[in-house]
Protein backbone atom coordinates (compact mmCIF):
# COMPACT_ATOMS: atom_id res chain seq x y z
CA UNK A 1 0.04 0.01 0.14
CA UNK A 2 1.57 3.68 -0.96
CA UNK A 3 2.30 5.18 2.15
CA UNK A 4 0.44 8.94 2.89
CA UNK A 5 -2.17 8.36 0.79
CA UNK A 6 -4.84 7.21 3.29
CA UNK A 7 -6.70 9.34 5.73
CA UNK A 8 -5.24 9.06 9.70
CA UNK A 9 -8.52 10.42 11.35
CA UNK A 10 -10.95 7.48 11.43
CA UNK A 11 -12.87 7.65 14.30
CA UNK A 12 -16.08 5.68 15.61
CA UNK A 13 -19.27 7.67 14.21
CA UNK A 14 -23.20 6.49 14.33
CA UNK A 15 -25.19 6.07 10.82
CA UNK A 16 -28.68 6.47 11.83
CA UNK A 17 -31.34 5.21 9.33
CA UNK A 18 -34.23 7.79 9.91
CA UNK A 19 -36.79 5.76 8.07
CA UNK A 20 -36.50 3.23 11.02
CA UNK A 21 -34.48 4.73 13.84
CA UNK A 22 -32.13 1.68 13.56
CA UNK A 23 -28.18 2.84 14.28
CA UNK A 24 -24.99 1.32 13.62
CA UNK A 25 -21.51 2.67 14.49
CA UNK A 26 -18.82 1.98 12.40
CA UNK A 27 -15.12 3.50 11.83
CA UNK A 28 -15.27 6.36 9.16
CA UNK A 29 -13.55 9.85 8.38
CA UNK A 30 -17.32 11.85 7.48
CA UNK A 31 -17.55 15.21 9.59
CA UNK A 32 -20.92 15.94 10.72
CA UNK A 33 -22.34 18.88 12.88
CA UNK A 34 -24.55 16.78 14.90
CA UNK A 35 -23.63 14.18 17.61
CA UNK A 36 -25.59 11.89 19.59
CA UNK A 37 -25.66 9.85 23.04
CA UNK A 38 -25.21 5.99 22.97
CA UNK A 39 -24.61 4.15 26.57
CA UNK A 40 -23.13 7.01 27.77
CA UNK A 41 -20.60 7.99 24.75
CA UNK A 42 -20.65 10.79 22.56
CA UNK A 43 -20.60 10.15 18.76
CA UNK A 44 -20.83 12.17 15.78
CA UNK A 45 -23.97 11.45 13.82
CA UNK A 46 -24.75 10.69 9.96
CA UNK A 47 -28.37 10.58 9.20
CA UNK A 48 -29.87 8.27 5.91
CA UNK A 49 -32.87 7.91 4.58
CA UNK A 50 -32.37 3.98 3.39
CA UNK A 51 -29.73 1.49 4.72
CA UNK A 52 -29.82 -1.85 4.77
CA UNK A 53 -31.99 -2.21 7.52
CA UNK A 54 -35.21 -0.41 5.65
CA UNK A 55 -34.33 -0.98 1.80
CA UNK A 56 -36.87 -3.56 0.44
CA UNK A 57 -34.14 -5.59 -1.28
CA UNK A 58 -32.39 -6.64 1.81
CA UNK A 59 -35.65 -6.98 4.16
CA UNK A 60 -38.25 -8.71 1.60
CA UNK A 61 -40.70 -6.09 1.95
CA UNK A 62 -42.17 -4.05 -0.78
CA UNK A 63 -42.12 -0.72 1.05
CA UNK A 64 -42.17 2.33 -0.67
CA UNK A 65 -39.88 5.00 1.00
CA UNK A 66 -41.28 8.48 -0.12
CA UNK A 67 -39.25 11.48 0.58
CA UNK A 68 -40.26 15.28 0.05
CA UNK A 69 -43.43 13.81 -1.84
CA UNK A 70 -41.65 12.71 -5.08
CA UNK A 71 -43.95 9.77 -5.27
CA UNK A 72 -46.99 11.81 -5.39
CA UNK A 73 -45.44 14.48 -7.54
CA UNK A 74 -44.28 11.77 -10.19
CA UNK A 75 -47.67 10.21 -10.22
CA UNK A 76 -49.27 13.48 -10.40
CA UNK A 77 -47.43 14.41 -13.78
CA UNK A 78 -47.57 10.88 -15.07
CA UNK A 79 -51.14 9.97 -14.46
CA UNK A 80 -52.85 12.01 -17.52
CA UNK A 81 -50.46 10.44 -19.49
CA UNK A 82 -51.91 6.84 -18.46
CA UNK A 83 -55.38 7.99 -19.07
CA UNK A 84 -54.75 9.58 -22.27
CA UNK A 85 -53.49 6.00 -23.70
CA UNK A 86 -56.13 4.03 -22.99
């Protein structure tokens, strides 16, 4: 491995899935503005919209995750086309 090209500042960071409140701790160099306390220890917090604990591919459930109304916006935009083509 080449020396001097990898970051030295790895530290424990909490990644939290906001759709199901699942959190896991791993080492990372990501910079964050928020912190979270788990078991009396303060960790930097990274919020995720979706992770392996909520993704339909890994869970086997067909769950629609809608962030900021994107699905509703898509359906309203293309619903008229579907009715015109019939």
